[in-house]
Amino acid sequence: MLSAAQVKTTATPGTSSEPPPSPDSRSSCDGWRPKPRHDRRPRVPAHRLRAYQPAHPVKLSKMARKRAQQRWSGLLRRVAEQVRATLGDELWADFVAHANACYKDAFLSAFRKPILRCVGPPHGGACPRNFHVDLTCARAYTTLGELHLDHEQDVVVTCDMWVQALAALPRAPSTWDDGVDGALLCHLLFSVHNNPAHGAAMLRFRCGPVHGQHGTNTDYWCHKLNMPHYRGLRDVALNVR
C-alpha cells in the first residue's frame, strides 16, 4: 500500500494538484466576468460641459474666433460645390483669394461683439424669443450653435445665376467675374455690413437649430431652413437690365 507522501507524488507532471476554483470564487478581472463599470455618468460633449464652468474671457474669445473661421470655410465650401467645376481650379483660386482679401476680415469681425442678437424673422419684426448670445458668458459654448448667419438671398440661387452667366459667355471665362457684376456677387455672398452701392447687408444673424439636428420644429426659429424667404431676387449677370 502506498503512503500518503507517495500518493501526492503521483499527480501528472505539469498540472496542479489544487482543485479548480468554483465559478463564484473567480476574480472579476480574470476574463470570466466583465469588469464592473464604476463610472455610469452620461457622456456629455466637452463644449456642453464648458457651458457650466466659470466664464473665461480669453477662452470665449478664442472659441468665437474659431466658430467664425469654421463658418467662413463652410460658406466657401458651399459656393465651391456650385461653381468650382464651371470656373476651373485656377479661376476658383483667384476668387477665393479675392474673397479672403476683401470680405473675410469683416465676416470674422461680426463675431467679435460682446452680444450677438437675432434680428428676427425674414418678414420683419423682433425675434419672438429675444434670442441672443452673450460672449462674456460660458453658455455661449452651446448657444452660439443656435445663431446662424442667414443669407437674405439664398446661396444656391446666387451661385446658379453666376453659373448661368458663365455658361452664356461665347468663350471660356478669363476671370472669375467674367460676365457678372463681381462686386454685387460678393455683396450677396459675403456682406455683413451695408454698402453704399449695393444696399443693406445680405448676411444677418437669425436663431436656428444646431447643425445636424433633425426633427426640429422650424416654427420655433427665425431662420426657416425648409423654405426660401427672400422677397426679391437680384441677378448678378451683367446683361440683366
C-alpha atoms as a PDB file:
ATOM      1  CA  MET A   1       0.000   0.000   0.000  1.00  0.00           C
ATOM      2  CA  LEU A   2       1.250   3.496  -0.925  1.00  0.00           C
ATOM      3  CA  SER A   3       1.959   6.010   1.762  1.00  0.00           C
ATOM      4  CA  ALA A   4       0.336   9.444   1.866  1.00  0.00           C
ATOM      5  CA  ALA A   5       3.586  11.036   0.689  1.00  0.00           C
ATOM      6  CA  GLN A   6       3.754   8.637  -2.272  1.00  0.00           C
ATOM      7  CA  VAL A   7       0.153   9.451  -3.258  1.00  0.00           C
ATOM      8  CA  LYS A   8       0.970  13.163  -3.546  1.00  0.00           C
ATOM      9  CA  THR A   9       3.835  12.447  -5.984  1.00  0.00           C
ATOM     10  CA  THR A  10       1.638  10.521  -8.431  1.00  0.00           C
ATOM     11  CA  ALA A  11      -0.024  13.688  -9.808  1.00  0.00           C
ATOM     12  CA  THR A  12       0.501  14.257 -13.541  1.00  0.00           C
ATOM     13  CA  PRO A  13       3.601  16.405 -14.199  1.00  0.00           C
ATOM     14  CA  GLY A  14       2.853  19.991 -15.152  1.00  0.00           C
ATOM     15  CA  THR A  15      -0.596  20.016 -13.591  1.00  0.00           C
ATOM     16  CA  SER A  16      -1.704  21.496 -10.322  1.00  0.00           C
ATOM     17  CA  SER A  17      -2.937  19.330  -7.567  1.00  0.00           C
ATOM     18  CA  GLU A  18      -5.158  22.152  -6.367  1.00  0.00           C
ATOM     19  CA  PRO A  19      -8.881  21.716  -7.091  1.00  0.00           C
ATOM     20  CA  PRO A  20     -10.335  24.173  -9.668  1.00  0.00           C
ATOM     21  CA  PRO A  21     -11.954  27.180  -8.104  1.00  0.00           C
ATOM     22  CA  SER A  22     -15.700  27.416  -8.165  1.00  0.00           C
ATOM     23  CA  PRO A  23     -17.260  29.941 -10.605  1.00  0.00           C
ATOM     24  CA  ASP A  24     -18.333  32.115  -7.708  1.00  0.00           C
ATOM     25  CA  SER A  25     -14.774  32.411  -6.438  1.00  0.00           C
ATOM     26  CA  ARG A  26     -13.258  33.690  -9.714  1.00  0.00           C
ATOM     27  CA  SER A  27     -11.950  37.229  -9.877  1.00  0.00           C
ATOM     28  CA  SER A  28     -13.852  39.781 -11.916  1.00  0.00           C
ATOM     29  CA  CYS A  29     -10.555  40.555 -13.692  1.00  0.00           C
ATOM     30  CA  ASP A  30      -9.686  37.028 -14.924  1.00  0.00           C
ATOM     31  CA  GLY A  31     -11.847  37.149 -18.054  1.00  0.00           C
ATOM     32  CA  TRP A  32     -14.787  35.161 -16.771  1.00  0.00           C
ATOM     33  CA  ARG A  33     -16.895  38.192 -15.832  1.00  0.00           C
ATOM     34  CA  PRO A  34     -16.960  41.735 -17.309  1.00  0.00           C
ATOM     35  CA  LYS A  35     -15.250  44.345 -15.230  1.00  0.00           C
ATOM     36  CA  PRO A  36     -17.709  46.406 -13.261  1.00  0.00           C
ATOM     37  CA  ARG A  37     -18.417  49.823 -14.719  1.00  0.00           C
ATOM     38  CA  HIS A  38     -17.982  52.264 -11.895  1.00  0.00           C
ATOM     39  CA  ASP A  39     -18.483  55.479 -13.925  1.00  0.00           C
ATOM     40  CA  ARG A  40     -22.097  55.468 -15.120  1.00  0.00           C
ATOM     41  CA  ARG A  41     -22.348  59.208 -15.699  1.00  0.00           C
ATOM     42  CA  PRO A  42     -23.820  60.179 -19.079  1.00  0.00           C
ATOM     43  CA  ARG A  43     -21.265  61.112 -21.709  1.00  0.00           C
ATOM     44  CA  VAL A  44     -21.672  64.846 -22.329  1.00  0.00           C
ATOM     45  CA  PRO A  45     -19.848  66.659 -25.148  1.00  0.00           C
ATOM     46  CA  ALA A  46     -16.966  68.785 -23.938  1.00  0.00           C
ATOM     47  CA  HIS A  47     -18.450  72.032 -25.251  1.00  0.00           C
ATOM     48  CA  ARG A  48     -21.611  71.423 -23.198  1.00  0.00           C
ATOM     49  CA  LEU A  49     -19.623  70.726 -20.056  1.00  0.00           C
ATOM     50  CA  ARG A  50     -17.757  74.014 -20.548  1.00  0.00           C
ATOM     51  CA  ALA A  51     -21.098  75.828 -20.542  1.00  0.00           C
ATOM     52  CA  TYR A  52     -21.395  75.073 -16.805  1.00  0.00           C
ATOM     53  CA  GLN A  53     -17.910  76.226 -15.914  1.00  0.00           C
ATOM     54  CA  PRO A  54     -16.883  79.770 -14.953  1.00  0.00           C
ATOM     55  CA  ALA A  55     -16.579  82.114 -17.927  1.00  0.00           C
ATOM     56  CA  HIS A  56     -13.065  82.821 -19.112  1.00  0.00           C
ATOM     57  CA  PRO A  57     -12.925  85.835 -21.472  1.00  0.00           C
ATOM     58  CA  VAL A  58      -9.824  84.692 -23.362  1.00  0.00           C
ATOM     59  CA  LYS A  59     -11.201  81.178 -23.956  1.00  0.00           C
ATOM     60  CA  LEU A  60     -14.594  82.527 -25.010  1.00  0.00           C
ATOM     61  CA  SER A  61     -12.983  84.928 -27.452  1.00  0.00           C
ATOM     62  CA  LYS A  62     -10.872  82.126 -28.886  1.00  0.00           C
ATOM     63  CA  MET A  63     -13.957  79.931 -29.245  1.00  0.00           C
ATOM     64  CA  ALA A  64     -15.845  82.689 -31.082  1.00  0.00           C
ATOM     65  CA  ARG A  65     -12.945  83.245 -33.489  1.00  0.00           C
ATOM     66  CA  LYS A  66     -12.751  79.523 -34.182  1.00  0.00           C
ATOM     67  CA  ARG A  67     -16.502  79.259 -34.863  1.00  0.00           C
ATOM     68  CA  ALA A  68     -16.347  82.297 -37.157  1.00  0.00           C
ATOM     69  CA  GLN A  69     -13.469  80.769 -39.121  1.00  0.00           C
ATOM     70  CA  GLN A  70     -15.376  77.494 -39.422  1.00  0.00           C
ATOM     71  CA  ARG A  71     -18.414  79.287 -40.807  1.00  0.00           C
ATOM     72  CA  TRP A  72     -16.318  81.217 -43.306  1.00  0.00           C
ATOM     73  CA  SER A  73     -14.719  77.993 -44.515  1.00  0.00           C
ATOM     74  CA  GLY A  74     -18.118  76.306 -44.665  1.00  0.00           C
ATOM     75  CA  LEU A  75     -19.535  79.134 -46.773  1.00  0.00           C
ATOM     76  CA  LEU A  76     -16.675  78.857 -49.257  1.00  0.00           C
ATOM     77  CA  ARG A  77     -17.284  75.107 -49.480  1.00  0.00           C
ATOM     78  CA  ARG A  78     -20.943  75.710 -50.287  1.00  0.00           C
ATOM     79  CA  VAL A  79     -20.028  78.130 -53.061  1.00  0.00           C
ATOM     80  CA  ALA A  80     -17.372  75.729 -54.374  1.00  0.00           C
ATOM     81  CA  GLU A  81     -19.935  72.951 -54.708  1.00  0.00           C
ATOM     82  CA  GLN A  82     -21.914  75.148 -57.100  1.00  0.00           C
ATOM     83  CA  VAL A  83     -19.348  76.960 -59.228  1.00  0.00           C
ATOM     84  CA  ARG A  84     -15.848  75.494 -58.922  1.00  0.00           C
ATOM     85  CA  ALA A  85     -16.360  72.954 -61.701  1.00  0.00           C
ATOM     86  CA  THR A  86     -17.510  75.717 -64.073  1.00  0.00           C
ATOM     87  CA  LEU A  87     -14.758  78.168 -63.162  1.00  0.00           C
ATOM     88  CA  GLY A  88     -11.911  75.692 -63.045  1.00  0.00           C
ATOM     89  CA  ASP A  89      -9.297  75.432 -60.319  1.00  0.00           C
ATOM     90  CA  GLU A  90      -7.230  78.452 -61.370  1.00  0.00           C
ATOM     91  CA  LEU A  91     -10.123  80.938 -61.519  1.00  0.00           C
ATOM     92  CA  TRP A  92     -11.619  79.446 -58.377  1.00  0.00           C
ATOM     93  CA  ALA A  93      -8.341  80.105 -56.547  1.00  0.00           C
ATOM     94  CA  ASP A  94      -8.445  83.704 -57.795  1.00  0.00           C
ATOM     95  CA  PHE A  95     -11.986  84.108 -56.450  1.00  0.00           C
ATOM     96  CA  VAL A  96     -11.068  82.669 -53.032  1.00  0.00           C
ATOM     97  CA  ALA A  97      -8.047  84.984 -52.834  1.00  0.00           C
ATOM     98  CA  HIS A  98     -10.298  87.967 -53.611  1.00  0.00           C
ATOM     99  CA  ALA A  99     -12.896  86.912 -51.039  1.00  0.00           C
ATOM    100  CA  ASN A 100     -10.256  86.388 -48.345  1.00  0.00           C
ATOM    101  CA  ALA A 101      -8.624  89.737 -49.065  1.00  0.00           C
ATOM    102  CA  CYS A 102     -11.786  91.849 -49.260  1.00  0.00           C
ATOM    103  CA  TYR A 103     -14.508  90.181 -47.165  1.00  0.00           C
ATOM    104  CA  LYS A 104     -13.062  87.690 -44.683  1.00  0.00           C
ATOM    105  CA  ASP A 105     -11.990  90.175 -42.005  1.00  0.00           C
ATOM    106  CA  ALA A 106     -15.407  91.834 -41.923  1.00  0.00           C
ATOM    107  CA  PHE A 107     -17.102  88.424 -41.774  1.00  0.00           C
ATOM    108  CA  LEU A 108     -14.963  87.310 -38.830  1.00  0.00           C
ATOM    109  CA  SER A 109     -15.397  90.649 -37.068  1.00  0.00           C
ATOM    110  CA  ALA A 110     -19.157  90.083 -36.956  1.00  0.00           C
ATOM    111  CA  PHE A 111     -18.476  87.512 -34.200  1.00  0.00           C
ATOM    112  CA  ARG A 112     -16.319  89.829 -32.080  1.00  0.00           C
ATOM    113  CA  LYS A 113     -19.137  91.785 -30.459  1.00  0.00           C
ATOM    114  CA  PRO A 114     -19.888  91.025 -26.803  1.00  0.00           C
ATOM    115  CA  ILE A 115     -23.524  90.201 -27.596  1.00  0.00           C
ATOM    116  CA  LEU A 116     -24.842  88.769 -30.860  1.00  0.00           C
ATOM    117  CA  ARG A 117     -28.595  89.177 -31.382  1.00  0.00           C
ATOM    118  CA  CYS A 118     -31.111  87.532 -33.661  1.00  0.00           C
ATOM    119  CA  VAL A 119     -32.590  90.193 -35.956  1.00  0.00           C
ATOM    120  CA  GLY A 120     -35.948  88.426 -36.107  1.00  0.00           C
ATOM    121  CA  PRO A 121     -37.829  86.571 -38.855  1.00  0.00           C
ATOM    122  CA  PRO A 122     -37.269  87.468 -42.526  1.00  0.00           C
ATOM    123  CA  HIS A 123     -40.751  89.002 -42.913  1.00  0.00           C
ATOM    124  CA  GLY A 124     -39.938  91.577 -40.232  1.00  0.00           C
ATOM    125  CA  GLY A 125     -40.487  92.093 -36.543  1.00  0.00           C
ATOM    126  CA  ALA A 126     -38.457  91.240 -33.484  1.00  0.00           C
ATOM    127  CA  CYS A 127     -37.321  87.750 -32.562  1.00  0.00           C
ATOM    128  CA  PRO A 128     -40.198  86.259 -30.509  1.00  0.00           C
ATOM    129  CA  ARG A 129     -37.637  84.541 -28.255  1.00  0.00           C
ATOM    130  CA  ASN A 130     -35.413  87.618 -27.927  1.00  0.00           C
ATOM    131  CA  PHE A 131     -32.597  85.192 -28.708  1.00  0.00           C
ATOM    132  CA  HIS A 132     -29.047  86.397 -28.201  1.00  0.00           C
ATOM    133  CA  VAL A 133     -25.603  85.006 -27.479  1.00  0.00           C
ATOM    134  CA  ASP A 134     -23.631  86.625 -24.675  1.00  0.00           C
ATOM    135  CA  LEU A 135     -19.962  86.037 -25.494  1.00  0.00           C
ATOM    136  CA  THR A 136     -18.999  87.015 -21.948  1.00  0.00           C
ATOM    137  CA  CYS A 137     -20.970  84.064 -20.545  1.00  0.00           C
ATOM    138  CA  ALA A 138     -19.924  80.399 -20.580  1.00  0.00           C
ATOM    139  CA  ARG A 139     -23.310  79.420 -22.022  1.00  0.00           C
ATOM    140  CA  ALA A 140     -22.057  80.814 -25.339  1.00  0.00           C
ATOM    141  CA  TYR A 141     -20.345  77.445 -25.860  1.00  0.00           C
ATOM    142  CA  THR A 142     -23.795  75.993 -26.553  1.00  0.00           C
ATOM    143  CA  THR A 143     -25.935  78.947 -27.632  1.00  0.00           C
ATOM    144  CA  LEU A 144     -23.608  80.100 -30.426  1.00  0.00           C
ATOM    145  CA  GLY A 145     -24.540  76.959 -32.341  1.00  0.00           C
ATOM    146  CA  GLU A 146     -28.140  78.209 -32.394  1.00  0.00           C
ATOM    147  CA  LEU A 147     -27.275  81.509 -34.077  1.00  0.00           C
ATOM    148  CA  HIS A 148     -26.930  81.403 -37.873  1.00  0.00           C
ATOM    149  CA  LEU A 149     -25.592  83.942 -40.349  1.00  0.00           C
ATOM    150  CA  ASP A 150     -28.561  83.774 -42.675  1.00  0.00           C
ATOM    151  CA  HIS A 151     -28.407  84.884 -46.319  1.00  0.00           C
ATOM    152  CA  GLU A 152     -31.156  87.244 -47.430  1.00  0.00           C
ATOM    153  CA  GLN A 153     -30.773  85.734 -50.915  1.00  0.00           C
ATOM    154  CA  ASP A 154     -30.124  82.010 -50.925  1.00  0.00           C
ATOM    155  CA  VAL A 155     -26.559  80.974 -51.727  1.00  0.00           C
ATOM    156  CA  VAL A 156     -27.717  78.291 -54.157  1.00  0.00           C
ATOM    157  CA  VAL A 157     -29.814  80.802 -56.096  1.00  0.00           C
ATOM    158  CA  THR A 158     -26.991  83.347 -56.316  1.00  0.00           C
ATOM    159  CA  CYS A 159     -24.487  80.706 -57.420  1.00  0.00           C
ATOM    160  CA  ASP A 160     -26.900  79.336 -60.002  1.00  0.00           C
ATOM    161  CA  MET A 161     -27.182  82.823 -61.511  1.00  0.00           C
ATOM    162  CA  TRP A 162     -23.391  83.000 -61.573  1.00  0.00           C
ATOM    163  CA  VAL A 163     -23.056  79.640 -63.334  1.00  0.00           C
ATOM    164  CA  GLN A 164     -25.700  80.566 -65.901  1.00  0.00           C
ATOM    165  CA  ALA A 165     -23.902  83.832 -66.666  1.00  0.00           C
ATOM    166  CA  LEU A 166     -20.634  81.951 -67.180  1.00  0.00           C
ATOM    167  CA  ALA A 167     -22.353  79.425 -69.434  1.00  0.00           C
ATOM    168  CA  ALA A 168     -23.813  82.237 -71.556  1.00  0.00           C
ATOM    169  CA  LEU A 169     -20.355  83.566 -72.458  1.00  0.00           C
ATOM    170  CA  PRO A 170     -19.326  82.978 -76.084  1.00  0.00           C
ATOM    171  CA  ARG A 171     -15.967  81.690 -74.844  1.00  0.00           C
ATOM    172  CA  ALA A 172     -14.397  80.230 -71.722  1.00  0.00           C
ATOM    173  CA  PRO A 173     -14.246  82.738 -68.835  1.00  0.00           C
ATOM    174  CA  SER A 174     -10.938  84.546 -68.457  1.00  0.00           C
ATOM    175  CA  THR A 175     -11.626  85.859 -64.931  1.00  0.00           C
ATOM    176  CA  TRP A 176     -13.824  84.665 -62.089  1.00  0.00           C
ATOM    177  CA  ASP A 177     -16.187  87.638 -62.558  1.00  0.00           C
ATOM    178  CA  ASP A 178     -16.387  87.352 -66.328  1.00  0.00           C
ATOM    179  CA  GLY A 179     -19.986  88.127 -67.341  1.00  0.00           C
ATOM    180  CA  VAL A 180     -21.127  89.052 -63.829  1.00  0.00           C
ATOM    181  CA  ASP A 181     -21.085  92.061 -61.548  1.00  0.00           C
ATOM    182  CA  GLY A 182     -18.347  90.838 -59.220  1.00  0.00           C
ATOM    183  CA  ALA A 183     -18.991  93.461 -56.544  1.00  0.00           C
ATOM    184  CA  LEU A 184     -22.703  92.632 -56.384  1.00  0.00           C
ATOM    185  CA  LEU A 185     -21.965  88.911 -56.399  1.00  0.00           C
ATOM    186  CA  CYS A 186     -19.632  89.189 -53.419  1.00  0.00           C
ATOM    187  CA  HIS A 187     -22.064  91.505 -51.642  1.00  0.00           C
ATOM    188  CA  LEU A 188     -24.790  88.862 -51.955  1.00  0.00           C
ATOM    189  CA  LEU A 189     -22.486  86.092 -50.733  1.00  0.00           C
ATOM    190  CA  PHE A 190     -20.368  87.719 -48.025  1.00  0.00           C
ATOM    191  CA  SER A 191     -21.597  91.136 -46.868  1.00  0.00           C
ATOM    192  CA  VAL A 192     -22.213  91.664 -43.164  1.00  0.00           C
ATOM    193  CA  HIS A 193     -22.298  95.472 -43.479  1.00  0.00           C
ATOM    194  CA  ASN A 194     -24.372  97.881 -45.542  1.00  0.00           C
ATOM    195  CA  ASN A 195     -22.822  99.014 -48.793  1.00  0.00           C
ATOM    196  CA  PRO A 196     -23.484 102.440 -50.414  1.00  0.00           C
ATOM    197  CA  ALA A 197     -23.668 100.937 -53.901  1.00  0.00           C
ATOM    198  CA  HIS A 198     -25.408  97.626 -53.227  1.00  0.00           C
ATOM    199  CA  GLY A 199     -27.573  98.300 -50.203  1.00  0.00           C
ATOM    200  CA  ALA A 200     -28.177  96.502 -46.950  1.00  0.00           C
ATOM    201  CA  ALA A 201     -26.045  93.659 -45.650  1.00  0.00           C
ATOM    202  CA  MET A 202     -27.055  90.298 -47.045  1.00  0.00           C
ATOM    203  CA  LEU A 203     -25.942  88.139 -44.093  1.00  0.00           C
ATOM    204  CA  ARG A 204     -27.775  88.639 -40.809  1.00  0.00           C
ATOM    205  CA  PHE A 205     -27.888  86.765 -37.528  1.00  0.00           C
ATOM    206  CA  ARG A 206     -31.008  84.664 -37.001  1.00  0.00           C
ATOM    207  CA  CYS A 207     -31.675  81.958 -34.448  1.00  0.00           C
ATOM    208  CA  GLY A 208     -31.901  78.445 -35.833  1.00  0.00           C
ATOM    209  CA  PRO A 209     -31.350  74.786 -34.909  1.00  0.00           C
ATOM    210  CA  VAL A 210     -27.885  73.448 -34.208  1.00  0.00           C
ATOM    211  CA  HIS A 211     -26.301  71.963 -37.326  1.00  0.00           C
ATOM    212  CA  GLY A 212     -27.246  68.291 -37.672  1.00  0.00           C
ATOM    213  CA  GLN A 213     -30.387  68.400 -35.542  1.00  0.00           C
ATOM    214  CA  HIS A 214     -33.301  66.517 -37.034  1.00  0.00           C
ATOM    215  CA  GLY A 215     -36.972  66.658 -36.301  1.00  0.00           C
ATOM    216  CA  THR A 216     -36.728  70.215 -35.032  1.00  0.00           C
ATOM    217  CA  ASN A 217     -39.873  72.348 -35.068  1.00  0.00           C
ATOM    218  CA  THR A 218     -38.960  75.042 -37.598  1.00  0.00           C
ATOM    219  CA  ASP A 219     -41.687  77.358 -36.287  1.00  0.00           C
ATOM    220  CA  TYR A 220     -39.584  77.776 -33.163  1.00  0.00           C
ATOM    221  CA  TRP A 221     -36.758  79.512 -35.064  1.00  0.00           C
ATOM    222  CA  CYS A 222     -36.466  82.735 -37.043  1.00  0.00           C
ATOM    223  CA  HIS A 223     -34.231  81.090 -39.654  1.00  0.00           C
ATOM    224  CA  LYS A 224     -36.552  78.958 -41.770  1.00  0.00           C
ATOM    225  CA  LEU A 225     -34.410  76.166 -43.190  1.00  0.00           C
ATOM    226  CA  ASN A 226     -37.228  74.465 -45.066  1.00  0.00           C
ATOM    227  CA  MET A 227     -38.235  77.315 -47.364  1.00  0.00           C
ATOM    228  CA  PRO A 228     -36.779  80.246 -49.304  1.00  0.00           C
ATOM    229  CA  HIS A 229     -37.509  83.530 -47.583  1.00  0.00           C
ATOM    230  CA  TYR A 230     -36.164  86.262 -49.855  1.00  0.00           C
ATOM    231  CA  ARG A 231     -38.587  88.899 -51.070  1.00  0.00           C
ATOM    232  CA  GLY A 232     -36.917  89.556 -54.417  1.00  0.00           C
ATOM    233  CA  LEU A 233     -34.009  88.276 -56.469  1.00  0.00           C
ATOM    234  CA  ARG A 234     -31.029  90.299 -57.609  1.00  0.00           C
ATOM    235  CA  ASP A 235     -29.361  88.811 -60.658  1.00  0.00           C
ATOM    236  CA  VAL A 236     -25.594  89.104 -60.889  1.00  0.00           C
ATOM    237  CA  ALA A 237     -25.367  88.759 -64.680  1.00  0.00           C
ATOM    238  CA  LEU A 238     -24.118  91.909 -66.414  1.00  0.00           C
ATOM    239  CA  ASN A 239     -26.591  91.644 -69.313  1.00  0.00           C
ATOM    240  CA  VAL A 240     -29.609  91.858 -66.993  1.00  0.00           C
ATOM    241  CA  ARG A 241     -31.362  95.213 -67.095  1.00  0.00           C
END
